[in-house]
Amino acid sequence: MEQLIQELKEHLIEELNLEEITPDEIDAEAPLFGEGLGLDSIDALEIILILEKYYGVKLRNTADAKPIFYSVKTLAQYIVDNRA
């Protein structure tokens, strides 16, 4: 799980152009949106693409995205639970 979390942080930095942040600066349990990393709805679409591109995981229902996209840790758990 730790390796997956580290990998996810690196993908987020690369795909969302967060060059000013290092993976170590991202708290795996901090919110991704709002007061945490400060991501927005466009970033949420990019995260959906990251899940599909790197992990082969599709988000079944976008209405369920809020708890899944809460933090890097919740994203990693979703990948573990839904990876083919």
Protein backbone atom coordinates (compact mmCIF):
# COMPACT_ATOMS: atom_id res chain seq x y z
CA MET A 1 0.00 0.00 0.00
CA GLU A 2 2.84 2.41 0.83
CA GLN A 3 4.39 1.89 -2.58
CA LEU A 4 1.03 2.52 -4.27
CA ILE A 5 0.56 5.73 -2.26
CA GLN A 6 4.04 6.94 -3.29
CA GLU A 7 3.32 6.08 -6.93
CA LEU A 8 -0.02 7.91 -6.81
CA LYS A 9 1.64 11.03 -5.39
CA GLU A 10 4.14 10.98 -8.27
CA HIS A 11 1.38 10.57 -10.87
CA LEU A 12 -0.62 13.41 -9.31
CA ILE A 13 2.39 15.74 -9.40
CA GLU A 14 3.21 14.83 -12.99
CA GLU A 15 -0.31 14.77 -14.46
CA LEU A 16 -1.64 17.81 -12.56
CA ASN A 17 1.52 19.87 -13.13
CA LEU A 18 2.21 20.36 -9.41
CA GLU A 19 5.91 20.97 -9.99
CA GLU A 20 6.29 23.08 -6.84
CA ILE A 21 5.47 20.07 -4.63
CA THR A 22 7.45 16.91 -3.89
CA PRO A 23 5.79 13.56 -3.10
CA ASP A 24 7.05 13.83 0.49
CA GLU A 25 5.17 17.12 0.92
CA ILE A 26 1.82 15.48 0.14
CA ASP A 27 0.16 14.10 3.24
CA ALA A 28 -1.52 10.84 2.18
CA GLU A 29 -4.42 11.53 4.56
CA ALA A 30 -4.91 15.24 3.81
CA PRO A 31 -7.82 16.35 1.62
CA LEU A 32 -7.02 16.66 -2.07
CA PHE A 33 -9.63 19.36 -2.61
CA GLY A 34 -10.24 22.59 -0.69
CA GLU A 35 -7.86 23.23 2.21
CA GLY A 36 -5.60 20.28 1.39
CA LEU A 37 -3.86 20.31 -1.99
CA GLY A 38 -6.44 22.78 -3.27
CA LEU A 39 -7.43 20.78 -6.35
CA ASP A 40 -10.55 21.64 -8.36
CA SER A 41 -13.11 19.88 -10.58
CA ILE A 42 -10.80 19.90 -13.61
CA ASP A 43 -8.21 18.10 -11.49
CA ALA A 44 -10.88 15.53 -10.54
CA LEU A 45 -11.27 14.67 -14.23
CA GLU A 46 -7.51 14.24 -14.50
CA ILE A 47 -7.55 11.91 -11.48
CA ILE A 48 -10.19 9.76 -13.22
CA LEU A 49 -7.81 9.53 -16.19
CA ILE A 50 -4.88 8.61 -13.89
CA LEU A 51 -6.94 5.77 -12.39
CA GLU A 52 -7.79 4.42 -15.84
CA LYS A 53 -4.39 4.99 -17.49
CA TYR A 54 -2.08 3.65 -14.78
CA TYR A 55 -4.26 1.26 -12.82
CA GLY A 56 -6.99 0.08 -15.20
CA VAL A 57 -9.61 1.20 -12.70
CA LYS A 58 -12.78 2.90 -13.88
CA LEU A 59 -14.94 5.05 -11.63
CA ARG A 60 -18.33 3.33 -11.87
CA ASN A 61 -20.44 6.20 -10.60
CA THR A 62 -19.19 9.79 -10.45
CA ALA A 63 -21.66 10.44 -7.62
CA ASP A 64 -19.46 8.16 -5.48
CA ALA A 65 -16.31 10.14 -6.26
CA LYS A 66 -16.27 12.46 -3.24
CA PRO A 67 -15.28 9.87 -0.60
CA ILE A 68 -12.98 8.06 -3.04
CA PHE A 69 -11.20 11.29 -4.03
CA TYR A 70 -10.90 12.57 -0.45
CA SER A 71 -7.17 11.83 -0.09
CA VAL A 72 -4.30 9.95 -1.67
CA LYS A 73 -4.93 7.17 0.84
CA THR A 74 -8.62 6.81 -0.11
CA LEU A 75 -7.65 6.77 -3.80
CA ALA A 76 -5.11 4.03 -3.13
CA GLN A 77 -7.69 1.99 -1.23
CA TYR A 78 -10.14 2.33 -4.14
CA ILE A 79 -7.45 1.08 -6.54
CA VAL A 80 -6.66 -1.91 -4.31
CA ASP A 81 -10.37 -2.76 -4.00
CA ASN A 82 -11.16 -2.38 -7.72
CA ARG A 83 -8.04 -3.35 -9.64
CA ALA A 84 -8.70 -6.07 -12.20
